[in-house]
Structures are given as C-alpha cells and as structure tokens.
C-alpha cells in the first residue's frame, strides 16, 4: 500500500513541477513579438537573451533589441 501511495505522490509532484513553466512574450524595439515556452534567460557574457519559442526552436536575441518581457 505504501509503495502505491509513494508512487502516486511522486507522479503528482512531477506533474505539478512540469506545470510551473512561465510562458512569456518578448516585445522587440521594431514591434515584433516573440512568444516563449518559459522565462528567457539572460547570458551576461554574450549579452543575449536565450529562450525556446513555442515551436521548440531555440532562439537568442540581443538585449539591445528587447523593449519588454512580459509573463503570460
């Protein structure tokens, strides 16, 4: 009984964590909007925001091109 309860608890925990991603919209200076699957990460050494678009394509954008980043 305890094994089944522990397994169910583990599955529920992983399902909850998978739902914690925060989609975002990046608005560029030229007015274009890019939607992301999660919050973009800023790489200080390169000066680029790195993120994954909705279609799964990894993308990098120079911080000087970014006007705003909003969470959905």
PDB file of N, CA and C in Angstrom:
ATOM      1  N   UNK A   1       0.829  -1.194   0.000  1.00  0.00           N
ATOM      2  CA  UNK A   1       0.000   0.000   0.000  1.00  0.00           C
ATOM      3  C   UNK A   1       0.880   1.268   0.000  1.00  0.00           C
ATOM      4  N   UNK A   2       1.946   1.240   0.796  1.00  0.00           N
ATOM      5  CA  UNK A   2       2.801   2.413   0.883  1.00  0.00           C
ATOM      6  C   UNK A   2       3.529   2.680  -0.431  1.00  0.00           C
ATOM      7  N   UNK A   3       3.895   1.609  -1.155  1.00  0.00           N
ATOM      8  CA  UNK A   3       4.579   1.791  -2.437  1.00  0.00           C
ATOM      9  C   UNK A   3       3.668   2.489  -3.442  1.00  0.00           C
ATOM     10  N   UNK A   4       2.401   2.117  -3.456  1.00  0.00           N
ATOM     11  CA  UNK A   4       1.457   2.735  -4.381  1.00  0.00           C
ATOM     12  C   UNK A   4       1.214   4.198  -4.024  1.00  0.00           C
ATOM     13  N   UNK A   5       1.121   4.470  -2.742  1.00  0.00           N
ATOM     14  CA  UNK A   5       0.923   5.851  -2.290  1.00  0.00           C
ATOM     15  C   UNK A   5       2.142   6.706  -2.619  1.00  0.00           C
ATOM     16  N   UNK A   6       3.324   6.153  -2.403  1.00  0.00           N
ATOM     17  CA  UNK A   6       4.549   6.878  -2.705  1.00  0.00           C
ATOM     18  C   UNK A   6       4.677   7.132  -4.206  1.00  0.00           C
ATOM     19  N   UNK A   7       4.331   6.135  -5.007  1.00  0.00           N
ATOM     20  CA  UNK A   7       4.375   6.306  -6.463  1.00  0.00           C
ATOM     21  C   UNK A   7       3.399   7.377  -6.920  1.00  0.00           C
ATOM     22  N   UNK A   8       2.201   7.367  -6.387  1.00  0.00           N
ATOM     23  CA  UNK A   8       1.193   8.361  -6.754  1.00  0.00           C
ATOM     24  C   UNK A   8       1.641   9.755  -6.348  1.00  0.00           C
ATOM     25  N   UNK A   9       2.252   9.865  -5.186  1.00  0.00           N
ATOM     26  CA  UNK A   9       2.752  11.160  -4.719  1.00  0.00           C
ATOM     27  C   UNK A   9       3.878  11.667  -5.626  1.00  0.00           C
ATOM     28  N   UNK A  10       4.766  10.778  -6.044  1.00  0.00           N
ATOM     29  CA  UNK A  10       5.867  11.167  -6.937  1.00  0.00           C
ATOM     30  C   UNK A  10       5.332  11.635  -8.285  1.00  0.00           C
ATOM     31  N   UNK A  11       4.367  10.930  -8.831  1.00  0.00           N
ATOM     32  CA  UNK A  11       3.768  11.323 -10.113  1.00  0.00           C
ATOM     33  C   UNK A  11       3.097  12.687  -9.986  1.00  0.00           C
ATOM     34  N   UNK A  12       2.369  12.906  -8.913  1.00  0.00           N
ATOM     35  CA  UNK A  12       1.687  14.184  -8.706  1.00  0.00           C
ATOM     36  C   UNK A  12       2.692  15.331  -8.565  1.00  0.00           C
ATOM     37  N   UNK A  13       3.799  15.072  -7.885  1.00  0.00           N
ATOM     38  CA  UNK A  13       4.833  16.096  -7.710  1.00  0.00           C
ATOM     39  C   UNK A  13       5.453  16.484  -9.040  1.00  0.00           C
ATOM     40  N   UNK A  14       5.805  15.487  -9.860  1.00  0.00           N
ATOM     41  CA  UNK A  14       6.407  15.783 -11.161  1.00  0.00           C
ATOM     42  C   UNK A  14       5.419  16.488 -12.082  1.00  0.00           C
ATOM     43  N   UNK A  15       4.161  16.118 -12.017  1.00  0.00           N
ATOM     44  CA  UNK A  15       3.147  16.780 -12.845  1.00  0.00           C
ATOM     45  C   UNK A  15       2.987  18.242 -12.435  1.00  0.00           C
ATOM     46  N   UNK A  16       3.054  18.504 -11.148  1.00  0.00           N
ATOM     47  CA  UNK A  16       2.954  19.881 -10.662  1.00  0.00           C
ATOM     48  C   UNK A  16       4.154  20.703 -11.106  1.00  0.00           C
ATOM     49  N   UNK A  17       5.345  20.140 -10.997  1.00  0.00           N
ATOM     50  CA  UNK A  17       6.546  20.859 -11.413  1.00  0.00           C
ATOM     51  C   UNK A  17       6.561  21.112 -12.911  1.00  0.00           C
ATOM     52  N   UNK A  18       6.049  20.195 -13.692  1.00  0.00           N
ATOM     53  CA  UNK A  18       6.006  20.386 -15.146  1.00  0.00           C
ATOM     54  C   UNK A  18       5.086  21.543 -15.506  1.00  0.00           C
ATOM     55  N   UNK A  19       4.094  21.804 -14.693  1.00  0.00           N
ATOM     56  CA  UNK A  19       3.162  22.890 -14.956  1.00  0.00           C
ATOM     57  C   UNK A  19       3.648  24.236 -14.474  1.00  0.00           C
ATOM     58  N   UNK A  20       4.846  24.314 -13.948  1.00  0.00           N
ATOM     59  CA  UNK A  20       5.367  25.561 -13.388  1.00  0.00           C
ATOM     60  C   UNK A  20       6.085  26.433 -14.407  1.00  0.00           C
ATOM     61  N   UNK A  21       6.147  26.035 -15.644  1.00  0.00           N
ATOM     62  CA  UNK A  21       6.813  26.883 -16.629  1.00  0.00           C
ATOM     63  C   UNK A  21       6.017  28.170 -16.799  1.00  0.00           C
ATOM     64  N   UNK A  22       6.709  29.237 -17.114  1.00  0.00           N
ATOM     65  CA  UNK A  22       6.071  30.543 -17.236  1.00  0.00           C
ATOM     66  C   UNK A  22       6.258  31.066 -18.651  1.00  0.00           C
ATOM     67  N   UNK A  23       5.260  30.864 -19.511  1.00  0.00           N
ATOM     68  CA  UNK A  23       5.376  31.416 -20.866  1.00  0.00           C
ATOM     69  C   UNK A  23       5.488  32.940 -20.815  1.00  0.00           C
ATOM     70  N   UNK A  24       6.216  33.488 -21.763  1.00  0.00           N
ATOM     71  CA  UNK A  24       6.443  34.926 -21.801  1.00  0.00           C
ATOM     72  C   UNK A  24       6.307  35.452 -23.223  1.00  0.00           C
ATOM     73  N   UNK A  25       6.142  36.776 -23.327  1.00  0.00           N
ATOM     74  CA  UNK A  25       6.134  37.460 -24.620  1.00  0.00           C
ATOM     75  C   UNK A  25       7.245  38.497 -24.590  1.00  0.00           C
ATOM     76  N   UNK A  26       8.133  38.417 -25.575  1.00  0.00           N
ATOM     77  CA  UNK A  26       9.209  39.387 -25.708  1.00  0.00           C
ATOM     78  C   UNK A  26       8.818  40.361 -26.814  1.00  0.00           C
ATOM     79  N   UNK A  27       8.749  41.646 -26.484  1.00  0.00           N
ATOM     80  CA  UNK A  27       8.467  42.669 -27.485  1.00  0.00           C
ATOM     81  C   UNK A  27       9.783  43.318 -27.878  1.00  0.00           C
ATOM     82  N   UNK A  28      10.052  43.305 -29.171  1.00  0.00           N
ATOM     83  CA  UNK A  28      11.291  43.887 -29.682  1.00  0.00           C
ATOM     84  C   UNK A  28      11.099  45.360 -30.020  1.00  0.00           C
ATOM     85  N   UNK A  29      12.172  46.087 -30.182  1.00  0.00           N
ATOM     86  CA  UNK A  29      12.116  47.513 -30.488  1.00  0.00           C
ATOM     87  C   UNK A  29      11.398  47.812 -31.803  1.00  0.00           C
ATOM     88  N   UNK A  30      11.414  46.867 -32.756  1.00  0.00           N
ATOM     89  CA  UNK A  30      10.736  47.084 -34.032  1.00  0.00           C
ATOM     90  C   UNK A  30       9.256  46.689 -33.991  1.00  0.00           C
ATOM     91  N   UNK A  31       8.741  46.307 -32.793  1.00  0.00           N
ATOM     92  CA  UNK A  31       7.329  45.992 -32.637  1.00  0.00           C
ATOM     93  C   UNK A  31       6.985  44.515 -32.739  1.00  0.00           C
ATOM     94  N   UNK A  32       7.905  43.681 -33.205  1.00  0.00           N
ATOM     95  CA  UNK A  32       7.638  42.247 -33.283  1.00  0.00           C
ATOM     96  C   UNK A  32       7.516  41.662 -31.887  1.00  0.00           C
ATOM     97  N   UNK A  33       6.690  40.603 -31.769  1.00  0.00           N
ATOM     98  CA  UNK A  33       6.538  39.899 -30.505  1.00  0.00           C
ATOM     99  C   UNK A  33       6.929  38.444 -30.689  1.00  0.00           C
ATOM    100  N   UNK A  34       7.714  37.936 -29.752  1.00  0.00           N
ATOM    101  CA  UNK A  34       8.133  36.543 -29.758  1.00  0.00           C
ATOM    102  C   UNK A  34       7.573  35.866 -28.522  1.00  0.00           C
ATOM    103  N   UNK A  35       6.897  34.741 -28.703  1.00  0.00           N
ATOM    104  CA  UNK A  35       6.352  34.002 -27.569  1.00  0.00           C
ATOM    105  C   UNK A  35       7.313  32.898 -27.173  1.00  0.00           C
ATOM    106  N   UNK A  36       7.489  32.722 -25.866  1.00  0.00           N
ATOM    107  CA  UNK A  36       8.419  31.736 -25.350  1.00  0.00           C
ATOM    108  C   UNK A  36       7.683  30.690 -24.528  1.00  0.00           C
ATOM    109  N   UNK A  37       8.297  29.511 -24.396  1.00  0.00           N
ATOM    110  CA  UNK A  37       7.700  28.462 -23.574  1.00  0.00           C
ATOM    111  C   UNK A  37       8.003  28.662 -22.100  1.00  0.00           C
ATOM    112  N   UNK A  38       9.035  29.431 -21.786  1.00  0.00           N
ATOM    113  CA  UNK A  38       9.437  29.672 -20.406  1.00  0.00           C
ATOM    114  C   UNK A  38      10.098  31.049 -20.321  1.00  0.00           C
ATOM    115  N   UNK A  39      10.406  31.492 -19.139  1.00  0.00           N
ATOM    116  CA  UNK A  39      11.050  32.794 -18.955  1.00  0.00           C
ATOM    117  C   UNK A  39      12.434  32.791 -19.612  1.00  0.00           C
ATOM    118  N   UNK A  40      12.734  33.791 -20.433  1.00  0.00           N
ATOM    119  CA  UNK A  40      14.044  33.855 -21.082  1.00  0.00           C
ATOM    120  C   UNK A  40      15.169  33.992 -20.057  1.00  0.00           C
ATOM    121  N   UNK A  41      16.316  33.394 -20.371  1.00  0.00           N
ATOM    122  CA  UNK A  41      17.497  33.514 -19.515  1.00  0.00           C
ATOM    123  C   UNK A  41      18.469  34.489 -20.160  1.00  0.00           C
ATOM    124  N   UNK A  42      19.034  35.373 -19.346  1.00  0.00           N
ATOM    125  CA  UNK A  42      19.981  36.355 -19.858  1.00  0.00           C
ATOM    126  C   UNK A  42      21.397  35.855 -19.639  1.00  0.00           C
ATOM    127  N   UNK A  43      22.192  35.818 -20.708  1.00  0.00           N
ATOM    128  CA  UNK A  43      23.597  35.418 -20.651  1.00  0.00           C
ATOM    129  C   UNK A  43      24.437  36.688 -20.620  1.00  0.00           C
ATOM    130  N   UNK A  44      24.986  37.005 -19.459  1.00  0.00           N
ATOM    131  CA  UNK A  44      25.743  38.244 -19.282  1.00  0.00           C
ATOM    132  C   UNK A  44      26.997  38.300 -20.154  1.00  0.00           C
ATOM    133  N   UNK A  45      27.630  37.166 -20.359  1.00  0.00           N
ATOM    134  CA  UNK A  45      28.883  37.176 -21.123  1.00  0.00           C
ATOM    135  C   UNK A  45      28.651  37.505 -22.590  1.00  0.00           C
ATOM    136  N   UNK A  46      27.531  37.056 -23.151  1.00  0.00           N
ATOM    137  CA  UNK A  46      27.268  37.326 -24.567  1.00  0.00           C
ATOM    138  C   UNK A  46      26.341  38.524 -24.770  1.00  0.00           C
ATOM    139  N   UNK A  47      25.545  38.880 -23.736  1.00  0.00           N
ATOM    140  CA  UNK A  47      24.611  39.989 -23.866  1.00  0.00           C
ATOM    141  C   UNK A  47      23.332  39.610 -24.605  1.00  0.00           C
ATOM    142  N   UNK A  48      23.000  38.315 -24.625  1.00  0.00           N
ATOM    143  CA  UNK A  48      21.819  37.836 -25.325  1.00  0.00           C
ATOM    144  C   UNK A  48      20.837  37.176 -24.368  1.00  0.00           C
ATOM    145  N   UNK A  49      19.541  37.324 -24.679  1.00  0.00           N
ATOM    146  CA  UNK A  49      18.506  36.535 -24.021  1.00  0.00           C
ATOM    147  C   UNK A  49      18.370  35.235 -24.795  1.00  0.00           C
ATOM    148  N   UNK A  50      18.318  34.121 -24.078  1.00  0.00           N
ATOM    149  CA  UNK A  50      18.174  32.817 -24.704  1.00  0.00           C
ATOM    150  C   UNK A  50      16.863  32.204 -24.240  1.00  0.00           C
ATOM    151  N   UNK A  51      16.105  31.636 -25.195  1.00  0.00           N
ATOM    152  CA  UNK A  51      14.806  31.054 -24.868  1.00  0.00           C
ATOM    153  C   UNK A  51      14.388  30.086 -25.963  1.00  0.00           C
ATOM    154  N   UNK A  52      13.300  29.373 -25.699  1.00  0.00           N
ATOM    155  CA  UNK A  52      12.736  28.441 -26.665  1.00  0.00           C
ATOM    156  C   UNK A  52      11.381  28.983 -27.110  1.00  0.00           C
ATOM    157  N   UNK A  53      11.188  29.098 -28.416  1.00  0.00           N
ATOM    158  CA  UNK A  53       9.907  29.568 -28.938  1.00  0.00           C
ATOM    159  C   UNK A  53       8.867  28.454 -28.828  1.00  0.00           C
ATOM    160  N   UNK A  54       7.611  28.783 -29.084  1.00  0.00           N
ATOM    161  CA  UNK A  54       6.527  27.820 -28.954  1.00  0.00           C
ATOM    162  C   UNK A  54       6.712  26.603 -29.855  1.00  0.00           C
ATOM    163  N   UNK A  55       7.375  26.779 -30.999  1.00  0.00           N
ATOM    164  CA  UNK A  55       7.589  25.663 -31.916  1.00  0.00           C
ATOM    165  C   UNK A  55       8.799  24.805 -31.526  1.00  0.00           C
ATOM    166  N   UNK A  56       9.437  25.122 -30.389  1.00  0.00           N
ATOM    167  CA  UNK A  56      10.569  24.344 -29.900  1.00  0.00           C
ATOM    168  C   UNK A  56      11.916  24.816 -30.397  1.00  0.00           C
ATOM    169  N   UNK A  57      11.927  25.859 -31.204  1.00  0.00           N
ATOM    170  CA  UNK A  57      13.176  26.368 -31.784  1.00  0.00           C
ATOM    171  C   UNK A  57      13.927  27.213 -30.743  1.00  0.00           C
ATOM    172  N   UNK A  58      15.187  26.850 -30.426  1.00  0.00           N
ATOM    173  CA  UNK A  58      15.976  27.690 -29.517  1.00  0.00           C
ATOM    174  C   UNK A  58      16.362  28.992 -30.222  1.00  0.00           C
ATOM    175  N   UNK A  59      16.244  30.099 -29.487  1.00  0.00           N
ATOM    176  CA  UNK A  59      16.467  31.416 -30.086  1.00  0.00           C
ATOM    177  C   UNK A  59      17.283  32.279 -29.136  1.00  0.00           C
ATOM    178  N   UNK A  60      18.066  33.186 -29.722  1.00  0.00           N
ATOM    179  CA  UNK A  60      18.818  34.177 -28.963  1.00  0.00           C
ATOM    180  C   UNK A  60      18.501  35.555 -29.521  1.00  0.00           C
ATOM    181  N   UNK A  61      18.332  36.527 -28.636  1.00  0.00           N
ATOM    182  CA  UNK A  61      18.049  37.901 -29.044  1.00  0.00           C
ATOM    183  C   UNK A  61      18.965  38.829 -28.246  1.00  0.00           C
ATOM    184  N   UNK A  62      19.590  39.768 -28.930  1.00  0.00           N
ATOM    185  CA  UNK A  62      20.450  40.746 -28.283  1.00  0.00           C
ATOM    186  C   UNK A  62      19.623  41.609 -27.338  1.00  0.00           C
ATOM    187  N   UNK A  63      20.163  41.876 -26.153  1.00  0.00           N
ATOM    188  CA  UNK A  63      19.416  42.659 -25.160  1.00  0.00           C
ATOM    189  C   UNK A  63      19.070  44.052 -25.670  1.00  0.00           C
ATOM    190  N   UNK A  64      19.862  44.608 -26.589  1.00  0.00           N
ATOM    191  CA  UNK A  64      19.600  45.936 -27.128  1.00  0.00           C
ATOM    192  C   UNK A  64      18.372  45.955 -28.033  1.00  0.00           C
ATOM    193  N   UNK A  65      17.925  44.789 -28.499  1.00  0.00           N
ATOM    194  CA  UNK A  65      16.743  44.699 -29.355  1.00  0.00           C
ATOM    195  C   UNK A  65      15.457  44.514 -28.560  1.00  0.00           C
ATOM    196  N   UNK A  66      15.575  44.223 -27.263  1.00  0.00           N
ATOM    197  CA  UNK A  66      14.415  43.898 -26.435  1.00  0.00           C
ATOM    198  C   UNK A  66      13.842  45.152 -25.798  1.00  0.00           C
ATOM    199  N   UNK A  67      12.540  45.386 -26.028  1.00  0.00           N
ATOM    200  CA  UNK A  67      11.837  46.504 -25.384  1.00  0.00           C
ATOM    201  C   UNK A  67      11.262  46.046 -24.045  1.00  0.00           C
ATOM    202  N   UNK A  68      10.479  44.944 -24.053  1.00  0.00           N
ATOM    203  CA  UNK A  68       9.876  44.437 -22.818  1.00  0.00           C
ATOM    204  C   UNK A  68       9.825  42.911 -22.836  1.00  0.00           C
ATOM    205  N   UNK A  69       9.730  42.331 -21.652  1.00  0.00           N
ATOM    206  CA  UNK A  69       9.476  40.907 -21.474  1.00  0.00           C
ATOM    207  C   UNK A  69       8.349  40.807 -20.466  1.00  0.00           C
ATOM    208  N   UNK A  70       7.253  40.191 -20.890  1.00  0.00           N
ATOM    209  CA  UNK A  70       6.083  40.046 -20.008  1.00  0.00           C
ATOM    210  C   UNK A  70       5.720  38.579 -19.868  1.00  0.00           C
ATOM    211  N   UNK A  71       5.389  38.186 -18.630  1.00  0.00           N
ATOM    212  CA  UNK A  71       4.909  36.828 -18.406  1.00  0.00           C
ATOM    213  C   UNK A  71       3.436  36.746 -18.759  1.00  0.00           C
ATOM    214  N   UNK A  72       3.052  35.626 -19.320  1.00  0.00           N
ATOM    215  CA  UNK A  72       1.637  35.427 -19.660  1.00  0.00           C
ATOM    216  C   UNK A  72       0.898  34.793 -18.520  1.00  0.00           C
TER     217      UNK A  72
END
